[in-house]
Structures are given as structure tokens and as C-alpha cells.
């Protein structure tokens, strides 16, 4: 027999190691506690990659209602695709002077954003209008994903992208101030700060880039809307096939 710590020879019945002074019964008790802790430990959960992969797979699972009414969802998807296509093919001028009916849906959330974020100062308050109309579809989408209702979340993503198309014309109008604002005002005839994007870009020194930034915003919205229609289309296709 040998000491488990220093490998010094030990005799039967010896309680302490002559080489390192280890108390054998205490060391045995320590090993027993370690074994008990190992046995009581819960098995390790999946790593981040596995969780992400599982979450992404979940996004492709149609909701139960889609499996029950695939034709109704297919018509809804077709409506989103056609309506979205009509909007993403418009340019900044057309979107500004011929806004979608959703402009009036987004507007209350825009104005509420000014009030909510206004407590953080004038700059954040001005930005709050844009944040407000972008946050609402995000919040709705997250709530639907938790149900889970993946098709509803795809519709919210479509709405989120459409908000970028609603924002872009006013961003492009920062210097010109020609688009009508709330209350019948125009940027060119309003005091500085009334036009959100004139103020935001002016304060950040980016006013000369208004049209370029608006184009980026517009194209980002287009990409998001296309992605949402593709996602919803995948769900409809899988739902009609009866895929889990």
C-alpha cells in the first residue's frame, strides 16, 4: 500500500503518512464528498451553438393554426408579397408623397416615441419618434415568437421593414424640408428642431448625407421585407406539406 498523495509506502492500519503527514481517513472522507458532489451535479446543458441551432430550427416550424388553415395563410402570404412588392419598388419621392396607409398606423407610435424618450433630452426625444415606430413591431414579434407563432412573427418582421420605408423619405427631406409634417407644417417653414431628421443630422454633422443615409435606410427596409416574405413563404410551404 502507498500514500495516495506522495506515494510513500504505508502499512495496514497506519493512519498518517510518514512521508507527507496526510491523514488517511480525512482524505478518504474528502474523496467521498467529491464523488457525492459529482453525482448530484446536473448534466451540462447544450452549448451556445446547439441552442442557436435549435432556435433557428424553431423559426422554420409553422404554427398549429397554419397547419389547420393552410389556404387562408397562403392568401395572407400572397397579400403580404404583393403589397410589399408594391412598396419596395417605389422610390423615395413616391414613398414621401404617396405614403402607404400604414403611415397612419405608424404615426401614433412615432409620436408616442417622442413623449416616452423625451425624458432623456432633446436629441433622444427627437430620435424617439423613429425608435417608437421601430420598437412596436419588434415587441409584437418577440411576443408572438414566445407563443410560439412564427408566421405572426414573420408578419411583424415585414412591418418592421416597412417602417424603414416610412422613415427614409423624411430622412432624405432633412435639408429640403418639402414634405408635410404633423400639424400641416413643413420643414422649411418650421423652427429648427421641428423636423426630426433635420435636427438629428444637423446635430451630428451629417446633414449633407441625408439622401445617402435615406437610400441606405430604404434598401435596408426592402431587404427586411423580402426576408420576411421569404420566411413566411417557407412556413406556408412547410405547413401545407405537414412538416413538423
C-alpha atoms as a PDB file:
ATOM      1  CA  UNK A   1       0.000   0.000   0.000  1.00  0.00           C
ATOM      2  CA  UNK A   2       1.154   3.532  -0.721  1.00  0.00           C
ATOM      3  CA  UNK A   3       0.145   7.075   0.188  1.00  0.00           C
ATOM      4  CA  UNK A   4      -2.245   8.491  -2.450  1.00  0.00           C
ATOM      5  CA  UNK A   5      -0.584  11.883  -2.194  1.00  0.00           C
ATOM      6  CA  UNK A   6       3.199  11.272  -2.122  1.00  0.00           C
ATOM      7  CA  UNK A   7       3.345   7.551  -2.964  1.00  0.00           C
ATOM      8  CA  UNK A   8       5.256   6.782   0.269  1.00  0.00           C
ATOM      9  CA  UNK A   9       4.883   3.169   1.488  1.00  0.00           C
ATOM     10  CA  UNK A  10       2.265   2.648   4.229  1.00  0.00           C
ATOM     11  CA  UNK A  11       1.380  -0.324   6.396  1.00  0.00           C
ATOM     12  CA  UNK A  12      -2.037  -1.773   7.162  1.00  0.00           C
ATOM     13  CA  UNK A  13      -3.737   0.147   9.965  1.00  0.00           C
ATOM     14  CA  UNK A  14      -1.463   3.195   9.588  1.00  0.00           C
ATOM     15  CA  UNK A  15      -3.493   6.404   9.997  1.00  0.00           C
ATOM     16  CA  UNK A  16      -0.928   9.012   8.949  1.00  0.00           C
ATOM     17  CA  UNK A  17       1.631   9.055   6.124  1.00  0.00           C
ATOM     18  CA  UNK A  18       5.238   9.088   7.329  1.00  0.00           C
ATOM     19  CA  UNK A  19       6.276  10.952   4.179  1.00  0.00           C
ATOM     20  CA  UNK A  20       3.849  13.880   3.863  1.00  0.00           C
ATOM     21  CA  UNK A  21       1.730  13.677   7.008  1.00  0.00           C
ATOM     22  CA  UNK A  22      -1.525  13.017   5.152  1.00  0.00           C
ATOM     23  CA  UNK A  23      -4.336  11.800   7.449  1.00  0.00           C
ATOM     24  CA  UNK A  24      -5.761   8.902   5.515  1.00  0.00           C
ATOM     25  CA  UNK A  25      -9.322   8.843   6.945  1.00  0.00           C
ATOM     26  CA  UNK A  26      -9.721  12.565   6.319  1.00  0.00           C
ATOM     27  CA  UNK A  27      -8.509  12.167   2.758  1.00  0.00           C
ATOM     28  CA  UNK A  28     -10.945   9.268   2.216  1.00  0.00           C
ATOM     29  CA  UNK A  29     -13.793  11.423   3.556  1.00  0.00           C
ATOM     30  CA  UNK A  30     -12.741  14.212   1.168  1.00  0.00           C
ATOM     31  CA  UNK A  31     -12.847  11.794  -1.784  1.00  0.00           C
ATOM     32  CA  UNK A  32     -16.322  10.605  -0.727  1.00  0.00           C
ATOM     33  CA  UNK A  33     -17.610  14.200  -0.673  1.00  0.00           C
ATOM     34  CA  UNK A  34     -16.180  14.846  -4.146  1.00  0.00           C
ATOM     35  CA  UNK A  35     -17.897  11.730  -5.502  1.00  0.00           C
ATOM     36  CA  UNK A  36     -21.217  12.812  -3.974  1.00  0.00           C
ATOM     37  CA  UNK A  37     -20.884  16.276  -5.480  1.00  0.00           C
ATOM     38  CA  UNK A  38     -20.142  14.821  -8.904  1.00  0.00           C
ATOM     39  CA  UNK A  39     -23.212  12.580  -8.699  1.00  0.00           C
ATOM     40  CA  UNK A  40     -25.500  15.420  -7.560  1.00  0.00           C
ATOM     41  CA  UNK A  41     -24.350  17.778 -10.292  1.00  0.00           C
ATOM     42  CA  UNK A  42     -26.884  18.259 -13.122  1.00  0.00           C
ATOM     43  CA  UNK A  43     -25.617  17.219 -16.518  1.00  0.00           C
ATOM     44  CA  UNK A  44     -24.273  20.115 -18.592  1.00  0.00           C
ATOM     45  CA  UNK A  45     -26.818  21.772 -20.872  1.00  0.00           C
ATOM     46  CA  UNK A  46     -26.374  22.319 -24.586  1.00  0.00           C
ATOM     47  CA  UNK A  47     -23.726  24.823 -25.601  1.00  0.00           C
ATOM     48  CA  UNK A  48     -24.455  28.111 -27.331  1.00  0.00           C
ATOM     49  CA  UNK A  49     -24.118  26.701 -30.823  1.00  0.00           C
ATOM     50  CA  UNK A  50     -26.617  23.957 -30.090  1.00  0.00           C
ATOM     51  CA  UNK A  51     -29.069  26.433 -28.556  1.00  0.00           C
ATOM     52  CA  UNK A  52     -28.714  28.776 -31.535  1.00  0.00           C
ATOM     53  CA  UNK A  53     -29.205  25.901 -33.980  1.00  0.00           C
ATOM     54  CA  UNK A  54     -32.311  24.761 -32.087  1.00  0.00           C
ATOM     55  CA  UNK A  55     -33.692  28.310 -32.076  1.00  0.00           C
ATOM     56  CA  UNK A  56     -33.112  28.689 -35.820  1.00  0.00           C
ATOM     57  CA  UNK A  57     -34.823  25.357 -36.462  1.00  0.00           C
ATOM     58  CA  UNK A  58     -37.753  26.583 -34.407  1.00  0.00           C
ATOM     59  CA  UNK A  59     -38.163  29.600 -36.683  1.00  0.00           C
ATOM     60  CA  UNK A  60     -38.973  27.234 -39.545  1.00  0.00           C
ATOM     61  CA  UNK A  61     -41.739  25.412 -37.644  1.00  0.00           C
ATOM     62  CA  UNK A  62     -45.226  26.530 -38.777  1.00  0.00           C
ATOM     63  CA  UNK A  63     -47.755  27.367 -36.056  1.00  0.00           C
ATOM     64  CA  UNK A  64     -50.550  24.859 -35.461  1.00  0.00           C
ATOM     65  CA  UNK A  65     -53.172  27.215 -36.889  1.00  0.00           C
ATOM     66  CA  UNK A  66     -51.270  27.342 -40.185  1.00  0.00           C
ATOM     67  CA  UNK A  67     -51.423  23.562 -40.452  1.00  0.00           C
ATOM     68  CA  UNK A  68     -55.177  23.687 -39.873  1.00  0.00           C
ATOM     69  CA  UNK A  69     -55.897  26.530 -42.315  1.00  0.00           C
ATOM     70  CA  UNK A  70     -53.100  26.441 -44.901  1.00  0.00           C
ATOM     71  CA  UNK A  71     -55.194  28.061 -47.664  1.00  0.00           C
ATOM     72  CA  UNK A  72     -56.046  31.088 -45.516  1.00  0.00           C
ATOM     73  CA  UNK A  73     -52.416  31.588 -44.606  1.00  0.00           C
ATOM     74  CA  UNK A  74     -51.371  31.169 -48.224  1.00  0.00           C
ATOM     75  CA  UNK A  75     -53.743  34.003 -49.196  1.00  0.00           C
ATOM     76  CA  UNK A  76     -52.368  36.158 -46.386  1.00  0.00           C
ATOM     77  CA  UNK A  77     -48.825  35.436 -47.545  1.00  0.00           C
ATOM     78  CA  UNK A  78     -49.784  36.363 -51.112  1.00  0.00           C
ATOM     79  CA  UNK A  79     -51.228  39.646 -49.861  1.00  0.00           C
ATOM     80  CA  UNK A  80     -48.016  40.455 -47.975  1.00  0.00           C
ATOM     81  CA  UNK A  81     -45.912  39.612 -51.014  1.00  0.00           C
ATOM     82  CA  UNK A  82     -47.980  41.729 -53.427  1.00  0.00           C
ATOM     83  CA  UNK A  83     -48.399  44.666 -51.046  1.00  0.00           C
ATOM     84  CA  UNK A  84     -44.772  44.549 -50.024  1.00  0.00           C
ATOM     85  CA  UNK A  85     -43.662  44.323 -53.652  1.00  0.00           C
ATOM     86  CA  UNK A  86     -45.692  47.410 -54.500  1.00  0.00           C
ATOM     87  CA  UNK A  87     -43.921  49.349 -51.754  1.00  0.00           C
ATOM     88  CA  UNK A  88     -40.330  48.206 -52.229  1.00  0.00           C
ATOM     89  CA  UNK A  89     -40.450  49.152 -55.922  1.00  0.00           C
ATOM     90  CA  UNK A  90     -41.256  52.790 -55.051  1.00  0.00           C
ATOM     91  CA  UNK A  91     -38.506  55.388 -54.818  1.00  0.00           C
ATOM     92  CA  UNK A  92     -38.001  57.927 -52.041  1.00  0.00           C
ATOM     93  CA  UNK A  93     -40.068  60.608 -53.780  1.00  0.00           C
ATOM     94  CA  UNK A  94     -43.032  58.280 -54.316  1.00  0.00           C
ATOM     95  CA  UNK A  95     -42.872  56.952 -50.761  1.00  0.00           C
ATOM     96  CA  UNK A  96     -42.809  60.505 -49.408  1.00  0.00           C
ATOM     97  CA  UNK A  97     -45.656  61.967 -51.423  1.00  0.00           C
ATOM     98  CA  UNK A  98     -47.740  58.793 -51.802  1.00  0.00           C
ATOM     99  CA  UNK A  99     -47.242  57.091 -48.431  1.00  0.00           C
ATOM    100  CA  UNK A 100     -48.745  53.712 -47.629  1.00  0.00           C
ATOM    101  CA  UNK A 101     -51.863  53.517 -45.492  1.00  0.00           C
ATOM    102  CA  UNK A 102     -49.532  52.078 -42.860  1.00  0.00           C
ATOM    103  CA  UNK A 103     -48.043  55.544 -42.477  1.00  0.00           C
ATOM    104  CA  UNK A 104     -51.123  56.465 -40.445  1.00  0.00           C
ATOM    105  CA  UNK A 105     -50.705  53.275 -38.402  1.00  0.00           C
ATOM    106  CA  UNK A 106     -47.055  54.015 -37.677  1.00  0.00           C
ATOM    107  CA  UNK A 107     -47.627  57.693 -36.903  1.00  0.00           C
ATOM    108  CA  UNK A 108     -49.194  57.276 -33.410  1.00  0.00           C
ATOM    109  CA  UNK A 109     -46.284  55.067 -32.334  1.00  0.00           C
ATOM    110  CA  UNK A 110     -43.886  57.655 -33.772  1.00  0.00           C
ATOM    111  CA  UNK A 111     -45.463  60.475 -31.790  1.00  0.00           C
ATOM    112  CA  UNK A 112     -45.669  58.349 -28.643  1.00  0.00           C
ATOM    113  CA  UNK A 113     -41.945  57.644 -29.020  1.00  0.00           C
ATOM    114  CA  UNK A 114     -41.238  61.380 -28.796  1.00  0.00           C
ATOM    115  CA  UNK A 115     -43.105  61.527 -25.492  1.00  0.00           C
ATOM    116  CA  UNK A 116     -41.575  58.374 -23.985  1.00  0.00           C
ATOM    117  CA  UNK A 117     -37.980  59.079 -24.981  1.00  0.00           C
ATOM    118  CA  UNK A 118     -38.299  62.819 -24.444  1.00  0.00           C
ATOM    119  CA  UNK A 119     -37.380  62.341 -20.781  1.00  0.00           C
ATOM    120  CA  UNK A 120     -33.818  61.607 -21.932  1.00  0.00           C
ATOM    121  CA  UNK A 121     -33.283  65.023 -23.500  1.00  0.00           C
ATOM    122  CA  UNK A 122     -33.996  66.813 -26.750  1.00  0.00           C
ATOM    123  CA  UNK A 123     -31.782  64.715 -29.029  1.00  0.00           C
ATOM    124  CA  UNK A 124     -33.029  61.323 -27.785  1.00  0.00           C
ATOM    125  CA  UNK A 125     -36.556  62.720 -27.761  1.00  0.00           C
ATOM    126  CA  UNK A 126     -36.267  63.606 -31.448  1.00  0.00           C
ATOM    127  CA  UNK A 127     -34.827  60.194 -32.208  1.00  0.00           C
ATOM    128  CA  UNK A 128     -37.570  58.661 -30.058  1.00  0.00           C
ATOM    129  CA  UNK A 129     -40.151  59.044 -32.807  1.00  0.00           C
ATOM    130  CA  UNK A 130     -38.166  56.747 -35.081  1.00  0.00           C
ATOM    131  CA  UNK A 131     -37.366  54.399 -32.190  1.00  0.00           C
ATOM    132  CA  UNK A 132     -41.028  54.248 -31.205  1.00  0.00           C
ATOM    133  CA  UNK A 133     -42.286  53.151 -34.598  1.00  0.00           C
ATOM    134  CA  UNK A 134     -39.478  50.587 -34.929  1.00  0.00           C
ATOM    135  CA  UNK A 135     -39.830  49.133 -31.435  1.00  0.00           C
ATOM    136  CA  UNK A 136     -43.535  48.311 -31.637  1.00  0.00           C
ATOM    137  CA  UNK A 137     -43.222  45.643 -34.382  1.00  0.00           C
ATOM    138  CA  UNK A 138     -40.128  44.256 -32.612  1.00  0.00           C
ATOM    139  CA  UNK A 139     -42.026  43.921 -29.324  1.00  0.00           C
ATOM    140  CA  UNK A 140     -45.007  42.338 -31.088  1.00  0.00           C
ATOM    141  CA  UNK A 141     -42.710  39.932 -32.950  1.00  0.00           C
ATOM    142  CA  UNK A 142     -40.958  38.807 -29.771  1.00  0.00           C
ATOM    143  CA  UNK A 143     -44.302  38.281 -28.051  1.00  0.00           C
ATOM    144  CA  UNK A 144     -45.541  36.150 -30.945  1.00  0.00           C
ATOM    145  CA  UNK A 145     -42.351  34.080 -31.024  1.00  0.00           C
ATOM    146  CA  UNK A 146     -42.847  33.252 -27.358  1.00  0.00           C
ATOM    147  CA  UNK A 147     -46.300  31.757 -28.081  1.00  0.00           C
ATOM    148  CA  UNK A 148     -44.866  30.421 -30.496  1.00  0.00           C
ATOM    149  CA  UNK A 149     -46.418  31.913 -33.654  1.00  0.00           C
ATOM    150  CA  UNK A 150     -43.674  32.021 -36.249  1.00  0.00           C
ATOM    151  CA  UNK A 151     -45.939  33.247 -39.043  1.00  0.00           C
ATOM    152  CA  UNK A 152     -47.151  36.156 -36.911  1.00  0.00           C
ATOM    153  CA  UNK A 153     -43.527  36.989 -36.110  1.00  0.00           C
ATOM    154  CA  UNK A 154     -42.739  36.994 -39.851  1.00  0.00           C
ATOM    155  CA  UNK A 155     -45.584  39.480 -40.394  1.00  0.00           C
ATOM    156  CA  UNK A 156     -44.112  41.671 -37.647  1.00  0.00           C
ATOM    157  CA  UNK A 157     -40.737  41.495 -39.369  1.00  0.00           C
ATOM    158  CA  UNK A 158     -42.466  42.648 -42.573  1.00  0.00           C
ATOM    159  CA  UNK A 159     -43.988  45.541 -40.636  1.00  0.00           C
ATOM    160  CA  UNK A 160     -40.599  46.340 -39.116  1.00  0.00           C
ATOM    161  CA  UNK A 161     -39.058  46.571 -42.587  1.00  0.00           C
ATOM    162  CA  UNK A 162     -41.959  48.694 -43.838  1.00  0.00           C
ATOM    163  CA  UNK A 163     -41.209  51.211 -41.104  1.00  0.00           C
ATOM    164  CA  UNK A 164     -37.798  51.807 -42.667  1.00  0.00           C
ATOM    165  CA  UNK A 165     -39.582  52.689 -45.924  1.00  0.00           C
ATOM    166  CA  UNK A 166     -41.730  55.092 -43.914  1.00  0.00           C
ATOM    167  CA  UNK A 167     -38.698  56.722 -42.270  1.00  0.00           C
ATOM    168  CA  UNK A 168     -36.436  57.018 -45.320  1.00  0.00           C
ATOM    169  CA  UNK A 169     -38.346  59.796 -47.202  1.00  0.00           C
ATOM    170  CA  UNK A 170     -38.282  62.085 -44.158  1.00  0.00           C
ATOM    171  CA  UNK A 171     -34.600  61.399 -43.690  1.00  0.00           C
ATOM    172  CA  UNK A 172     -33.989  62.389 -47.317  1.00  0.00           C
ATOM    173  CA  UNK A 173     -36.079  65.527 -46.769  1.00  0.00           C
ATOM    174  CA  UNK A 174     -33.852  66.832 -43.942  1.00  0.00           C
ATOM    175  CA  UNK A 175     -32.315  69.680 -45.978  1.00  0.00           C
ATOM    176  CA  UNK A 176     -35.140  70.377 -48.425  1.00  0.00           C
ATOM    177  CA  UNK A 177     -37.957  70.420 -45.864  1.00  0.00           C
ATOM    178  CA  UNK A 178     -40.640  69.916 -48.503  1.00  0.00           C
ATOM    179  CA  UNK A 179     -42.643  67.012 -47.076  1.00  0.00           C
ATOM    180  CA  UNK A 180     -45.699  67.792 -44.919  1.00  0.00           C
ATOM    181  CA  UNK A 181     -45.208  67.244 -41.213  1.00  0.00           C
ATOM    182  CA  UNK A 182     -47.641  66.784 -38.328  1.00  0.00           C
ATOM    183  CA  UNK A 183     -49.958  69.758 -37.989  1.00  0.00           C
ATOM    184  CA  UNK A 184     -49.612  70.837 -41.614  1.00  0.00           C
ATOM    185  CA  UNK A 185     -46.130  72.259 -41.143  1.00  0.00           C
ATOM    186  CA  UNK A 186     -43.159  71.858 -43.456  1.00  0.00           C
ATOM    187  CA  UNK A 187     -39.519  71.533 -42.532  1.00  0.00           C
ATOM    188  CA  UNK A 188     -38.514  74.634 -44.498  1.00  0.00           C
ATOM    189  CA  UNK A 189     -41.022  76.844 -42.672  1.00  0.00           C
ATOM    190  CA  UNK A 190     -40.721  75.300 -39.196  1.00  0.00           C
ATOM    191  CA  UNK A 191     -38.301  76.281 -36.435  1.00  0.00           C
ATOM    192  CA  UNK A 192     -35.103  74.277 -36.141  1.00  0.00           C
ATOM    193  CA  UNK A 193     -35.798  71.038 -34.333  1.00  0.00           C
ATOM    194  CA  UNK A 194     -39.364  70.542 -35.556  1.00  0.00           C
ATOM    195  CA  UNK A 195     -38.231  68.313 -38.429  1.00  0.00           C
ATOM    196  CA  UNK A 196     -36.744  65.286 -36.641  1.00  0.00           C
ATOM    197  CA  UNK A 197     -34.134  64.409 -39.218  1.00  0.00           C
ATOM    198  CA  UNK A 198     -33.059  67.976 -39.920  1.00  0.00           C
ATOM    199  CA  UNK A 199     -32.302  68.243 -36.212  1.00  0.00           C
ATOM    200  CA  UNK A 200     -30.746  64.784 -35.774  1.00  0.00           C
ATOM    201  CA  UNK A 201     -28.467  65.016 -38.806  1.00  0.00           C
ATOM    202  CA  UNK A 202     -27.700  68.656 -38.146  1.00  0.00           C
ATOM    203  CA  UNK A 203     -26.628  67.962 -34.584  1.00  0.00           C
ATOM    204  CA  UNK A 204     -24.398  65.078 -35.665  1.00  0.00           C
ATOM    205  CA  UNK A 205     -22.835  66.908 -38.614  1.00  0.00           C
ATOM    206  CA  UNK A 206     -24.384  64.522 -41.132  1.00  0.00           C
ATOM    207  CA  UNK A 207     -26.918  66.836 -42.740  1.00  0.00           C
ATOM    208  CA  UNK A 208     -25.125  66.769 -46.100  1.00  0.00           C
ATOM    209  CA  UNK A 209     -25.523  62.981 -46.111  1.00  0.00           C
ATOM    210  CA  UNK A 210     -29.307  62.998 -45.738  1.00  0.00           C
ATOM    211  CA  UNK A 211     -30.103  61.440 -49.123  1.00  0.00           C
ATOM    212  CA  UNK A 212     -27.305  58.865 -48.918  1.00  0.00           C
ATOM    213  CA  UNK A 213     -28.401  57.756 -45.441  1.00  0.00           C
ATOM    214  CA  UNK A 214     -32.007  57.674 -46.612  1.00  0.00           C
ATOM    215  CA  UNK A 215     -31.047  55.404 -49.508  1.00  0.00           C
ATOM    216  CA  UNK A 216     -29.293  53.018 -47.115  1.00  0.00           C
ATOM    217  CA  UNK A 217     -32.370  53.053 -44.844  1.00  0.00           C
ATOM    218  CA  UNK A 218     -34.674  52.433 -47.788  1.00  0.00           C
ATOM    219  CA  UNK A 219     -32.643  49.485 -49.066  1.00  0.00           C
ATOM    220  CA  UNK A 220     -32.371  48.021 -45.570  1.00  0.00           C
ATOM    221  CA  UNK A 221     -36.150  48.127 -45.284  1.00  0.00           C
ATOM    222  CA  UNK A 222     -36.502  46.471 -48.674  1.00  0.00           C
ATOM    223  CA  UNK A 223     -34.166  43.645 -47.665  1.00  0.00           C
ATOM    224  CA  UNK A 224     -36.018  43.081 -44.388  1.00  0.00           C
ATOM    225  CA  UNK A 225     -39.377  42.946 -46.173  1.00  0.00           C
ATOM    226  CA  UNK A 226     -38.074  40.484 -48.759  1.00  0.00           C
ATOM    227  CA  UNK A 227     -36.599  38.318 -45.985  1.00  0.00           C
ATOM    228  CA  UNK A 228     -39.891  38.368 -44.082  1.00  0.00           C
ATOM    229  CA  UNK A 229     -41.880  37.320 -47.159  1.00  0.00           C
ATOM    230  CA  UNK A 230     -39.390  34.503 -47.789  1.00  0.00           C
ATOM    231  CA  UNK A 231     -39.685  33.376 -44.148  1.00  0.00           C
ATOM    232  CA  UNK A 232     -43.483  33.455 -44.230  1.00  0.00           C
ATOM    233  CA  UNK A 233     -43.442  31.614 -47.570  1.00  0.00           C
ATOM    234  CA  UNK A 234     -41.268  28.869 -46.096  1.00  0.00           C
ATOM    235  CA  UNK A 235     -43.719  28.462 -43.214  1.00  0.00           C
ATOM    236  CA  UNK A 236     -46.699  28.244 -45.589  1.00  0.00           C
ATOM    237  CA  UNK A 237     -44.890  25.685 -47.735  1.00  0.00           C
ATOM    238  CA  UNK A 238     -43.930  23.552 -44.752  1.00  0.00           C
ATOM    239  CA  UNK A 239     -47.417  23.878 -43.285  1.00  0.00           C
ATOM    240  CA  UNK A 240     -49.066  22.630 -46.478  1.00  0.00           C
ATOM    241  CA  UNK A 241     -46.674  19.688 -46.531  1.00  0.00           C
ATOM    242  CA  UNK A 242     -47.419  18.929 -42.912  1.00  0.00           C
ATOM    243  CA  UNK A 243     -43.781  19.254 -41.837  1.00  0.00           C
ATOM    244  CA  UNK A 244     -43.131  19.382 -38.105  1.00  0.00           C
END
